[in-house]
Amino acid sequence: MPCCWLYDARGSDLFNAITRVEDYYPTRTETEIVSQNAQDMANFCGEGAVLLEYGAGSGIKTEILIDALRAPRLYLPIDIAADELAQTTSRIAKRFPRLDVFPIVADFTRDFDLPPALPLGPRTAFFPGSTIGNLNLREAIAFLSRMHRHVGAAIIGVDLKKDVRTLLSAYDDSAGVTAAFNLNLLARINRELDGAFPLDRFIHEARWNQTESAVEMHLVSLDSRVVTLAGRDFTFFSGESIHTESSRKYDLVTFGSLAETAGWRVSQSWRDRAGQFAVLSLDAVS
C-alpha cells in the first residue's frame, strides 16, 4: 500500500514514538551520523542554499543540518501530513527566525510543482529516514528522477543490509509500538471508508523478503471472515494478510547503480562505525 496512508495524525504520533524505542536503530543511528558530519554536509550544500526536504515529518535531523548551513536562503518542507507539517514549520521558523520557511503539502511520490520563483542559490534535497526504502524499484527511480528536476544535489539516508534478527526486531519492537502503528491503518479505514475491520482479529507481523531485500509489514487475519469497506465485501481466510509496507535495504554498490539510473552520482558517504546506516551525498550528472 502507498506508505502515505499510514500517516494520519495518530500514525505520525506513533511513528515518532517508534523512533524512540530501543529496537528501532535507524533514527538513532542516522541522527548520530548527521550530528557528527553536519559541517561536511553543510559544505556540500554550499553557502546560501535552498533546502528541500521530502517527507519532512518532525524535522529533527533537519534542524541539525540547518544549524550548520552558511546563510541558508529558504527551507521547503514537503509532507502529506498537513498537521504535522504545520507543527514542524512553526518550530523551525521559531528556531531560525532569519530563515524563510515555505511548507508544501504534497505526496512526494507523485509529481508536484515547486513555487514558481525560488530565490537564487544552490538547491539541495534532504531525504533522511531511509524512506527511499519504502519505494519499490520503479517508484524509487521515478522519485529520484523527479528530485533531479527539482534540485542539483541531494543528501539521502539509506538503511544498509545487516543480520535479519536486527532488522525484524526494528520492525516488530518488544514494546509493541510498531504493531500499534500498523494496526492504526485499519482504524483509519474504519473511520474514513466506513470499514468494519475488527481490530482485535488482526495482528502485526514483520517478515524478511530475501528476494526483495526488504522487511515487510503485514496485518494477518486470525480467522476467516468477510469485511465490508466503502460498500464492498472482502473475504479473508485465516492467516491471510494485508501487506502494508516494505522497507528495502541496500548495499552501497546497489544504491549507487539505482541512483545512476535516475541521473545521479554518489559523491560522499557517511556511515556509523557498525556500518548499519549510510547518509549519501548525490550530484546530478545529466
C-alpha atoms as a PDB file:
ATOM      1  CA  MET A   1       0.000   0.000   0.000  1.00  0.00           C
ATOM      2  CA  PRO A   2       1.237   3.568  -0.537  1.00  0.00           C
ATOM      3  CA  CYS A   3       3.102   4.350   2.677  1.00  0.00           C
ATOM      4  CA  CYS A   4       1.477   7.787   2.936  1.00  0.00           C
ATOM      5  CA  TRP A   5      -1.773   6.167   4.146  1.00  0.00           C
ATOM      6  CA  LEU A   6      -0.065   5.075   7.365  1.00  0.00           C
ATOM      7  CA  TYR A   7       0.476   8.703   8.367  1.00  0.00           C
ATOM      8  CA  ASP A   8      -2.691  10.290   9.631  1.00  0.00           C
ATOM      9  CA  ALA A   9      -2.288  12.315  12.850  1.00  0.00           C
ATOM     10  CA  ARG A  10      -2.333   9.185  15.014  1.00  0.00           C
ATOM     11  CA  GLY A  11       0.024   7.348  12.665  1.00  0.00           C
ATOM     12  CA  SER A  12       2.504  10.236  12.694  1.00  0.00           C
ATOM     13  CA  ASP A  13       2.468  10.293  16.516  1.00  0.00           C
ATOM     14  CA  LEU A  14       3.020   6.540  16.664  1.00  0.00           C
ATOM     15  CA  PHE A  15       5.885   6.669  14.170  1.00  0.00           C
ATOM     16  CA  ASN A  16       7.572   9.381  16.238  1.00  0.00           C
ATOM     17  CA  ALA A  17       7.220   7.023  19.205  1.00  0.00           C
ATOM     18  CA  ILE A  18       8.776   4.194  17.159  1.00  0.00           C
ATOM     19  CA  THR A  19      11.879   6.301  16.566  1.00  0.00           C
ATOM     20  CA  ARG A  20      12.457   6.389  20.316  1.00  0.00           C
ATOM     21  CA  VAL A  21      12.217   2.664  21.103  1.00  0.00           C
ATOM     22  CA  GLU A  22      15.434   0.741  21.726  1.00  0.00           C
ATOM     23  CA  ASP A  23      14.855  -1.823  18.962  1.00  0.00           C
ATOM     24  CA  TYR A  24      14.493   0.785  16.228  1.00  0.00           C
ATOM     25  CA  TYR A  25      18.067   1.721  15.330  1.00  0.00           C
ATOM     26  CA  PRO A  26      17.632   3.759  12.064  1.00  0.00           C
ATOM     27  CA  THR A  27      16.595   7.132  13.534  1.00  0.00           C
ATOM     28  CA  ARG A  28      19.091   6.992  16.390  1.00  0.00           C
ATOM     29  CA  THR A  29      21.942   5.933  14.102  1.00  0.00           C
ATOM     30  CA  GLU A  30      21.175   8.415  11.333  1.00  0.00           C
ATOM     31  CA  THR A  31      20.839  11.295  13.803  1.00  0.00           C
ATOM     32  CA  GLU A  32      24.285  10.436  15.141  1.00  0.00           C
ATOM     33  CA  ILE A  33      25.729  10.400  11.616  1.00  0.00           C
ATOM     34  CA  VAL A  34      24.188  13.785  10.764  1.00  0.00           C
ATOM     35  CA  SER A  35      25.344  15.302  14.066  1.00  0.00           C
ATOM     36  CA  GLN A  36      28.938  14.128  13.593  1.00  0.00           C
ATOM     37  CA  ASN A  37      29.151  15.177   9.932  1.00  0.00           C
ATOM     38  CA  ALA A  38      26.864  18.213   9.772  1.00  0.00           C
ATOM     39  CA  GLN A  39      29.656  20.576   8.754  1.00  0.00           C
ATOM     40  CA  ASP A  40      30.721  18.350   5.847  1.00  0.00           C
ATOM     41  CA  MET A  41      27.093  18.141   4.737  1.00  0.00           C
ATOM     42  CA  ALA A  42      26.722  21.924   5.018  1.00  0.00           C
ATOM     43  CA  ASN A  43      29.840  22.390   2.886  1.00  0.00           C
ATOM     44  CA  PHE A  44      28.286  20.079   0.305  1.00  0.00           C
ATOM     45  CA  CYS A  45      25.105  22.182   0.269  1.00  0.00           C
ATOM     46  CA  GLY A  46      27.086  25.394  -0.163  1.00  0.00           C
ATOM     47  CA  GLU A  47      26.516  28.931   1.071  1.00  0.00           C
ATOM     48  CA  GLY A  48      23.070  30.430   0.553  1.00  0.00           C
ATOM     49  CA  ALA A  49      21.435  27.057  -0.007  1.00  0.00           C
ATOM     50  CA  VAL A  50      17.783  26.435  -0.759  1.00  0.00           C
ATOM     51  CA  LEU A  51      16.935  23.223   1.122  1.00  0.00           C
ATOM     52  CA  LEU A  52      14.022  20.979   0.095  1.00  0.00           C
ATOM     53  CA  GLU A  53      13.022  18.144   2.404  1.00  0.00           C
ATOM     54  CA  TYR A  54      10.823  15.348   1.079  1.00  0.00           C
ATOM     55  CA  GLY A  55       8.668  13.704   3.751  1.00  0.00           C
ATOM     56  CA  ALA A  56       9.706  16.263   6.358  1.00  0.00           C
ATOM     57  CA  GLY A  57       7.910  14.667   9.303  1.00  0.00           C
ATOM     58  CA  SER A  58       9.088  16.099  12.614  1.00  0.00           C
ATOM     59  CA  GLY A  59      12.251  17.556  11.060  1.00  0.00           C
ATOM     60  CA  ILE A  60      14.574  16.792  13.996  1.00  0.00           C
ATOM     61  CA  LYS A  61      17.581  15.830  11.852  1.00  0.00           C
ATOM     62  CA  THR A  62      16.831  18.787   9.593  1.00  0.00           C
ATOM     63  CA  GLU A  63      17.409  21.206  12.460  1.00  0.00           C
ATOM     64  CA  ILE A  64      20.920  19.809  12.884  1.00  0.00           C
ATOM     65  CA  LEU A  65      21.705  20.366   9.200  1.00  0.00           C
ATOM     66  CA  ILE A  66      20.134  23.838   9.017  1.00  0.00           C
ATOM     67  CA  ASP A  67      22.096  24.908  12.090  1.00  0.00           C
ATOM     68  CA  ALA A  68      25.328  24.038  10.239  1.00  0.00           C
ATOM     69  CA  LEU A  69      24.429  25.756   6.939  1.00  0.00           C
ATOM     70  CA  ARG A  70      26.014  29.068   5.979  1.00  0.00           C
ATOM     71  CA  ALA A  71      23.346  31.721   5.371  1.00  0.00           C
ATOM     72  CA  PRO A  72      20.633  29.393   4.042  1.00  0.00           C
ATOM     73  CA  ARG A  73      18.040  31.233   1.942  1.00  0.00           C
ATOM     74  CA  LEU A  74      14.961  29.031   2.117  1.00  0.00           C
ATOM     75  CA  TYR A  75      13.670  25.787   3.620  1.00  0.00           C
ATOM     76  CA  LEU A  76      10.837  23.964   1.843  1.00  0.00           C
ATOM     77  CA  PRO A  77       9.474  21.047   3.937  1.00  0.00           C
ATOM     78  CA  ILE A  78       7.243  18.730   1.874  1.00  0.00           C
ATOM     79  CA  ASP A  79       4.854  16.293   3.511  1.00  0.00           C
ATOM     80  CA  ILE A  80       1.386  14.814   3.026  1.00  0.00           C
ATOM     81  CA  ALA A  81       0.554  15.050   6.771  1.00  0.00           C
ATOM     82  CA  ALA A  82      -0.619  18.664   6.925  1.00  0.00           C
ATOM     83  CA  ASP A  83      -0.996  18.907  10.710  1.00  0.00           C
ATOM     84  CA  GLU A  84       2.490  17.637  11.490  1.00  0.00           C
ATOM     85  CA  LEU A  85       3.919  19.764   8.676  1.00  0.00           C
ATOM     86  CA  ALA A  86       2.385  22.865  10.273  1.00  0.00           C
ATOM     87  CA  GLN A  87       3.932  21.980  13.637  1.00  0.00           C
ATOM     88  CA  THR A  88       7.348  21.357  12.075  1.00  0.00           C
ATOM     89  CA  THR A  89       7.169  24.603  10.101  1.00  0.00           C
ATOM     90  CA  SER A  90       6.293  26.604  13.223  1.00  0.00           C
ATOM     91  CA  ARG A  91       9.071  25.059  15.302  1.00  0.00           C
ATOM     92  CA  ILE A  92      11.798  25.564  12.701  1.00  0.00           C
ATOM     93  CA  ALA A  93      10.648  29.111  11.916  1.00  0.00           C
ATOM     94  CA  LYS A  94      10.927  29.981  15.625  1.00  0.00           C
ATOM     95  CA  ARG A  95      14.361  28.410  15.981  1.00  0.00           C
ATOM     96  CA  PHE A  96      15.726  30.019  12.795  1.00  0.00           C
ATOM     97  CA  PRO A  97      13.929  33.390  12.574  1.00  0.00           C
ATOM     98  CA  ARG A  98      16.122  34.633   9.696  1.00  0.00           C
ATOM     99  CA  LEU A  99      15.308  31.629   7.542  1.00  0.00           C
ATOM    100  CA  ASP A 100      12.335  31.753   5.185  1.00  0.00           C
ATOM    101  CA  VAL A 101      10.214  28.604   5.534  1.00  0.00           C
ATOM    102  CA  PHE A 102       7.686  27.645   2.857  1.00  0.00           C
ATOM    103  CA  PRO A 103       5.786  24.396   3.581  1.00  0.00           C
ATOM    104  CA  ILE A 104       4.306  22.352   0.736  1.00  0.00           C
ATOM    105  CA  VAL A 105       1.513  19.854   1.418  1.00  0.00           C
ATOM    106  CA  ALA A 106       2.083  17.168  -1.224  1.00  0.00           C
ATOM    107  CA  ASP A 107       2.642  13.470  -1.775  1.00  0.00           C
ATOM    108  CA  PHE A 108       6.306  13.363  -2.783  1.00  0.00           C
ATOM    109  CA  THR A 109       5.773  10.008  -4.532  1.00  0.00           C
ATOM    110  CA  ARG A 110       3.732  11.845  -7.166  1.00  0.00           C
ATOM    111  CA  ASP A 111       4.544  14.798  -9.414  1.00  0.00           C
ATOM    112  CA  PHE A 112       4.010  18.206  -7.830  1.00  0.00           C
ATOM    113  CA  ASP A 113       5.086  21.758  -8.623  1.00  0.00           C
ATOM    114  CA  LEU A 114       7.540  23.892  -6.684  1.00  0.00           C
ATOM    115  CA  PRO A 115       6.852  27.604  -6.121  1.00  0.00           C
ATOM    116  CA  PRO A 116       7.474  29.394  -9.427  1.00  0.00           C
ATOM    117  CA  ALA A 117      10.043  31.904  -8.153  1.00  0.00           C
ATOM    118  CA  LEU A 118      12.576  30.351  -5.804  1.00  0.00           C
ATOM    119  CA  PRO A 119      15.492  32.535  -4.632  1.00  0.00           C
ATOM    120  CA  LEU A 120      18.868  32.187  -6.271  1.00  0.00           C
ATOM    121  CA  GLY A 121      21.356  29.817  -4.713  1.00  0.00           C
ATOM    122  CA  PRO A 122      22.208  26.128  -4.830  1.00  0.00           C
ATOM    123  CA  ARG A 123      19.217  23.799  -4.360  1.00  0.00           C
ATOM    124  CA  THR A 124      19.771  20.681  -2.269  1.00  0.00           C
ATOM    125  CA  ALA A 125      17.282  17.952  -1.425  1.00  0.00           C
ATOM    126  CA  PHE A 126      17.314  16.369   2.030  1.00  0.00           C
ATOM    127  CA  PHE A 127      15.693  12.927   2.235  1.00  0.00           C
ATOM    128  CA  PRO A 128      16.603  11.310   5.570  1.00  0.00           C
ATOM    129  CA  GLY A 129      14.994   8.433   7.429  1.00  0.00           C
ATOM    130  CA  SER A 130      15.720   5.678   4.862  1.00  0.00           C
ATOM    131  CA  THR A 131      12.300   6.479   3.361  1.00  0.00           C
ATOM    132  CA  ILE A 132      13.746   5.614  -0.048  1.00  0.00           C
ATOM    133  CA  GLY A 133      13.478   2.002   1.145  1.00  0.00           C
ATOM    134  CA  ASN A 134       9.674   2.223   1.243  1.00  0.00           C
ATOM    135  CA  LEU A 135       9.636   2.591  -2.546  1.00  0.00           C
ATOM    136  CA  ASN A 136       9.971  -0.316  -4.968  1.00  0.00           C
ATOM    137  CA  LEU A 137      12.487  -0.128  -7.811  1.00  0.00           C
ATOM    138  CA  ARG A 138      10.128   1.599 -10.244  1.00  0.00           C
ATOM    139  CA  GLU A 139       8.911   4.063  -7.605  1.00  0.00           C
ATOM    140  CA  ALA A 140      12.452   4.816  -6.398  1.00  0.00           C
ATOM    141  CA  ILE A 141      13.681   5.612  -9.913  1.00  0.00           C
ATOM    142  CA  ALA A 142      10.623   7.799 -10.520  1.00  0.00           C
ATOM    143  CA  PHE A 143      11.200   9.660  -7.254  1.00  0.00           C
ATOM    144  CA  LEU A 144      14.922  10.181  -7.880  1.00  0.00           C
ATOM    145  CA  SER A 145      14.117  11.404 -11.411  1.00  0.00           C
ATOM    146  CA  ARG A 146      11.538  13.854 -10.007  1.00  0.00           C
ATOM    147  CA  MET A 147      14.076  15.066  -7.461  1.00  0.00           C
ATOM    148  CA  HIS A 148      16.564  15.517 -10.323  1.00  0.00           C
ATOM    149  CA  ARG A 149      14.138  18.003 -11.898  1.00  0.00           C
ATOM    150  CA  HIS A 150      13.821  19.942  -8.638  1.00  0.00           C
ATOM    151  CA  VAL A 151      17.430  20.198  -7.452  1.00  0.00           C
ATOM    152  CA  GLY A 152      21.043  19.723  -8.477  1.00  0.00           C
ATOM    153  CA  ALA A 153      22.263  17.986  -5.324  1.00  0.00           C
ATOM    154  CA  ALA A 154      20.845  15.733  -2.621  1.00  0.00           C
ATOM    155  CA  ILE A 155      21.569  14.160   0.765  1.00  0.00           C
ATOM    156  CA  ILE A 156      19.790  10.830   1.292  1.00  0.00           C
ATOM    157  CA  GLY A 157      19.621   8.389   4.200  1.00  0.00           C
ATOM    158  CA  VAL A 158      19.916   4.700   3.259  1.00  0.00           C
ATOM    159  CA  ASP A 159      19.463   1.741   5.592  1.00  0.00           C
ATOM    160  CA  LEU A 160      22.092  -0.896   4.871  1.00  0.00           C
ATOM    161  CA  LYS A 161      21.798  -4.684   4.712  1.00  0.00           C
ATOM    162  CA  LYS A 162      22.546  -6.440   8.007  1.00  0.00           C
ATOM    163  CA  ASP A 163      21.579  -9.522  10.009  1.00  0.00           C
ATOM    164  CA  VAL A 164      17.904 -10.429   9.766  1.00  0.00           C
ATOM    165  CA  ARG A 165      17.362 -10.592  13.539  1.00  0.00           C
ATOM    166  CA  THR A 166      18.305  -6.925  13.938  1.00  0.00           C
ATOM    167  CA  LEU A 167      16.073  -5.945  11.032  1.00  0.00           C
ATOM    168  CA  LEU A 168      12.998  -7.822  12.237  1.00  0.00           C
ATOM    169  CA  SER A 169      13.381  -6.519  15.784  1.00  0.00           C
ATOM    170  CA  ALA A 170      13.393  -2.963  14.439  1.00  0.00           C
ATOM    171  CA  TYR A 171      10.032  -3.537  12.726  1.00  0.00           C
ATOM    172  CA  ASP A 172       8.415  -5.591  15.493  1.00  0.00           C
ATOM    173  CA  ASP A 173       9.664  -3.897  18.644  1.00  0.00           C
ATOM    174  CA  SER A 174       9.186  -5.504  22.036  1.00  0.00           C
ATOM    175  CA  ALA A 175       7.120  -2.545  23.259  1.00  0.00           C
ATOM    176  CA  GLY A 176       4.520  -3.136  20.548  1.00  0.00           C
ATOM    177  CA  VAL A 177       4.640   0.401  19.173  1.00  0.00           C
ATOM    178  CA  THR A 178       5.160  -0.734  15.575  1.00  0.00           C
ATOM    179  CA  ALA A 179       2.227  -3.122  15.915  1.00  0.00           C
ATOM    180  CA  ALA A 180       0.011  -0.232  17.047  1.00  0.00           C
ATOM    181  CA  PHE A 181       1.296   1.880  14.133  1.00  0.00           C
ATOM    182  CA  ASN A 182       0.446  -0.828  11.607  1.00  0.00           C
ATOM    183  CA  LEU A 183      -2.985  -1.590  13.109  1.00  0.00           C
ATOM    184  CA  ASN A 184      -3.817   2.117  13.068  1.00  0.00           C
ATOM    185  CA  LEU A 185      -4.224   1.750   9.314  1.00  0.00           C
ATOM    186  CA  LEU A 186      -7.301  -0.430   9.896  1.00  0.00           C
ATOM    187  CA  ALA A 187      -8.659   2.093  12.386  1.00  0.00           C
ATOM    188  CA  ARG A 188      -8.259   4.784   9.738  1.00  0.00           C
ATOM    189  CA  ILE A 189     -10.032   2.632   7.146  1.00  0.00           C
ATOM    190  CA  ASN A 190     -12.901   2.078   9.596  1.00  0.00           C
ATOM    191  CA  ARG A 191     -13.148   5.804  10.253  1.00  0.00           C
ATOM    192  CA  GLU A 192     -12.681   7.233   6.770  1.00  0.00           C
ATOM    193  CA  LEU A 193     -14.008   4.467   4.476  1.00  0.00           C
ATOM    194  CA  ASP A 194     -16.852   3.075   6.577  1.00  0.00           C
ATOM    195  CA  GLY A 195     -14.802  -0.056   7.171  1.00  0.00           C
ATOM    196  CA  ALA A 196     -15.728  -2.841   9.571  1.00  0.00           C
ATOM    197  CA  PHE A 197     -12.360  -4.327  10.469  1.00  0.00           C
ATOM    198  CA  PRO A 198     -12.359  -5.890  13.962  1.00  0.00           C
ATOM    199  CA  LEU A 199      -9.052  -4.573  15.275  1.00  0.00           C
ATOM    200  CA  ASP A 200      -8.661  -7.435  17.739  1.00  0.00           C
ATOM    201  CA  ARG A 201      -8.805 -10.057  14.960  1.00  0.00           C
ATOM    202  CA  PHE A 202      -5.770  -8.819  13.008  1.00  0.00           C
ATOM    203  CA  ILE A 203      -2.180  -8.924  14.252  1.00  0.00           C
ATOM    204  CA  HIS A 204       1.013  -7.216  13.147  1.00  0.00           C
ATOM    205  CA  GLU A 205       3.776  -9.344  11.641  1.00  0.00           C
ATOM    206  CA  ALA A 206       7.218  -8.408  10.280  1.00  0.00           C
ATOM    207  CA  ARG A 207       8.745 -10.668   7.602  1.00  0.00           C
ATOM    208  CA  TRP A 208      12.065 -10.719   5.759  1.00  0.00           C
ATOM    209  CA  ASN A 209      11.803 -11.000   1.968  1.00  0.00           C
ATOM    210  CA  GLN A 210      15.214 -12.173   0.766  1.00  0.00           C
ATOM    211  CA  THR A 211      14.375 -11.731  -2.923  1.00  0.00           C
ATOM    212  CA  GLU A 212      13.386  -8.074  -2.451  1.00  0.00           C
ATOM    213  CA  SER A 213      15.981  -7.472   0.302  1.00  0.00           C
ATOM    214  CA  ALA A 214      13.150  -5.943   2.305  1.00  0.00           C
ATOM    215  CA  VAL A 215      11.421  -6.102   5.644  1.00  0.00           C
ATOM    216  CA  GLU A 216       7.675  -6.412   5.030  1.00  0.00           C
ATOM    217  CA  MET A 217       4.946  -5.362   7.447  1.00  0.00           C
ATOM    218  CA  HIS A 218       1.739  -7.404   7.321  1.00  0.00           C
ATOM    219  CA  LEU A 219      -1.614  -7.391   9.088  1.00  0.00           C
ATOM    220  CA  VAL A 220      -2.621 -11.032   9.479  1.00  0.00           C
ATOM    221  CA  SER A 221      -6.225 -12.170   9.889  1.00  0.00           C
ATOM    222  CA  LEU A 222      -6.693 -14.519  12.860  1.00  0.00           C
ATOM    223  CA  ASP A 223      -9.778 -16.153  11.367  1.00  0.00           C
ATOM    224  CA  SER A 224     -11.898 -16.378   8.232  1.00  0.00           C
ATOM    225  CA  ARG A 225     -14.304 -13.501   7.773  1.00  0.00           C
ATOM    226  CA  VAL A 226     -15.883 -11.038   5.349  1.00  0.00           C
ATOM    227  CA  VAL A 227     -15.032  -7.376   5.928  1.00  0.00           C
ATOM    228  CA  THR A 228     -17.019  -4.530   4.385  1.00  0.00           C
ATOM    229  CA  LEU A 229     -15.486  -1.206   3.473  1.00  0.00           C
ATOM    230  CA  ALA A 230     -16.649   1.537   1.135  1.00  0.00           C
ATOM    231  CA  GLY A 231     -19.680  -0.612   0.303  1.00  0.00           C
ATOM    232  CA  ARG A 232     -17.652  -3.619  -0.881  1.00  0.00           C
ATOM    233  CA  ASP A 233     -17.092  -7.027   0.698  1.00  0.00           C
ATOM    234  CA  PHE A 234     -13.614  -8.510   1.075  1.00  0.00           C
ATOM    235  CA  THR A 235     -13.108 -12.128   2.100  1.00  0.00           C
ATOM    236  CA  PHE A 236     -10.173 -13.052   4.340  1.00  0.00           C
ATOM    237  CA  PHE A 237      -9.043 -16.573   5.125  1.00  0.00           C
ATOM    238  CA  SER A 238      -7.421 -17.415   8.445  1.00  0.00           C
ATOM    239  CA  GLY A 239      -3.728 -16.484   8.156  1.00  0.00           C
ATOM    240  CA  GLU A 240      -4.257 -14.294   5.084  1.00  0.00           C
ATOM    241  CA  SER A 241      -2.567 -10.912   5.337  1.00  0.00           C
ATOM    242  CA  ILE A 242      -2.663  -7.343   4.102  1.00  0.00           C
ATOM    243  CA  HIS A 243       0.853  -6.330   3.018  1.00  0.00           C
ATOM    244  CA  THR A 244       1.001  -2.748   4.290  1.00  0.00           C
ATOM    245  CA  GLU A 245       4.605  -1.640   3.806  1.00  0.00           C
ATOM    246  CA  SER A 246       8.052  -2.734   2.631  1.00  0.00           C
ATOM    247  CA  SER A 247      11.363  -1.287   3.759  1.00  0.00           C
ATOM    248  CA  ARG A 248      14.132  -2.219   1.341  1.00  0.00           C
ATOM    249  CA  LYS A 249      17.736  -2.450   2.481  1.00  0.00           C
ATOM    250  CA  TYR A 250      20.672  -1.618   0.232  1.00  0.00           C
ATOM    251  CA  ASP A 251      24.394  -2.016  -0.083  1.00  0.00           C
ATOM    252  CA  LEU A 252      26.308   0.989  -1.401  1.00  0.00           C
ATOM    253  CA  VAL A 253      27.022  -0.537  -4.822  1.00  0.00           C
ATOM    254  CA  THR A 254      23.371  -1.406  -5.451  1.00  0.00           C
ATOM    255  CA  PHE A 255      22.137   2.019  -4.385  1.00  0.00           C
ATOM    256  CA  GLY A 256      24.822   3.730  -6.461  1.00  0.00           C
ATOM    257  CA  SER A 257      23.593   1.887  -9.548  1.00  0.00           C
ATOM    258  CA  LEU A 258      20.000   2.846  -8.758  1.00  0.00           C
ATOM    259  CA  ALA A 259      20.979   6.495  -8.413  1.00  0.00           C
ATOM    260  CA  GLU A 260      22.873   6.448 -11.715  1.00  0.00           C
ATOM    261  CA  THR A 261      19.770   5.181 -13.496  1.00  0.00           C
ATOM    262  CA  ALA A 262      17.988   8.382 -12.448  1.00  0.00           C
ATOM    263  CA  GLY A 263      20.865  10.721 -13.353  1.00  0.00           C
ATOM    264  CA  TRP A 264      22.771  10.932 -10.061  1.00  0.00           C
ATOM    265  CA  ARG A 265      26.283  10.141  -8.874  1.00  0.00           C
ATOM    266  CA  VAL A 266      27.107   9.292  -5.254  1.00  0.00           C
ATOM    267  CA  SER A 267      29.908  11.656  -4.248  1.00  0.00           C
ATOM    268  CA  GLN A 268      30.283  11.086  -0.484  1.00  0.00           C
ATOM    269  CA  SER A 269      29.251   8.504   2.089  1.00  0.00           C
ATOM    270  CA  TRP A 270      28.976   8.986   5.843  1.00  0.00           C
ATOM    271  CA  ARG A 271      28.409   5.848   7.947  1.00  0.00           C
ATOM    272  CA  ASP A 272      28.274   4.790  11.585  1.00  0.00           C
ATOM    273  CA  ARG A 273      31.044   2.615  12.992  1.00  0.00           C
ATOM    274  CA  ALA A 274      28.926  -0.535  12.905  1.00  0.00           C
ATOM    275  CA  GLY A 275      28.037   0.012   9.252  1.00  0.00           C
ATOM    276  CA  GLN A 276      24.301  -0.155   9.893  1.00  0.00           C
ATOM    277  CA  PHE A 277      23.297   3.034   8.088  1.00  0.00           C
ATOM    278  CA  ALA A 278      24.647   5.460   5.493  1.00  0.00           C
ATOM    279  CA  VAL A 279      23.936   9.066   4.599  1.00  0.00           C
ATOM    280  CA  LEU A 280      24.941   9.763   0.996  1.00  0.00           C
ATOM    281  CA  SER A 281      25.503  12.948  -0.984  1.00  0.00           C
ATOM    282  CA  LEU A 282      24.430  12.883  -4.639  1.00  0.00           C
ATOM    283  CA  ASP A 283      25.376  15.156  -7.524  1.00  0.00           C
ATOM    284  CA  ALA A 284      23.261  15.478 -10.658  1.00  0.00           C
ATOM    285  CA  VAL A 285      25.217  14.242 -13.692  1.00  0.00           C
ATOM    286  CA  SER A 286      22.782  14.858 -16.546  1.00  0.00           C
END
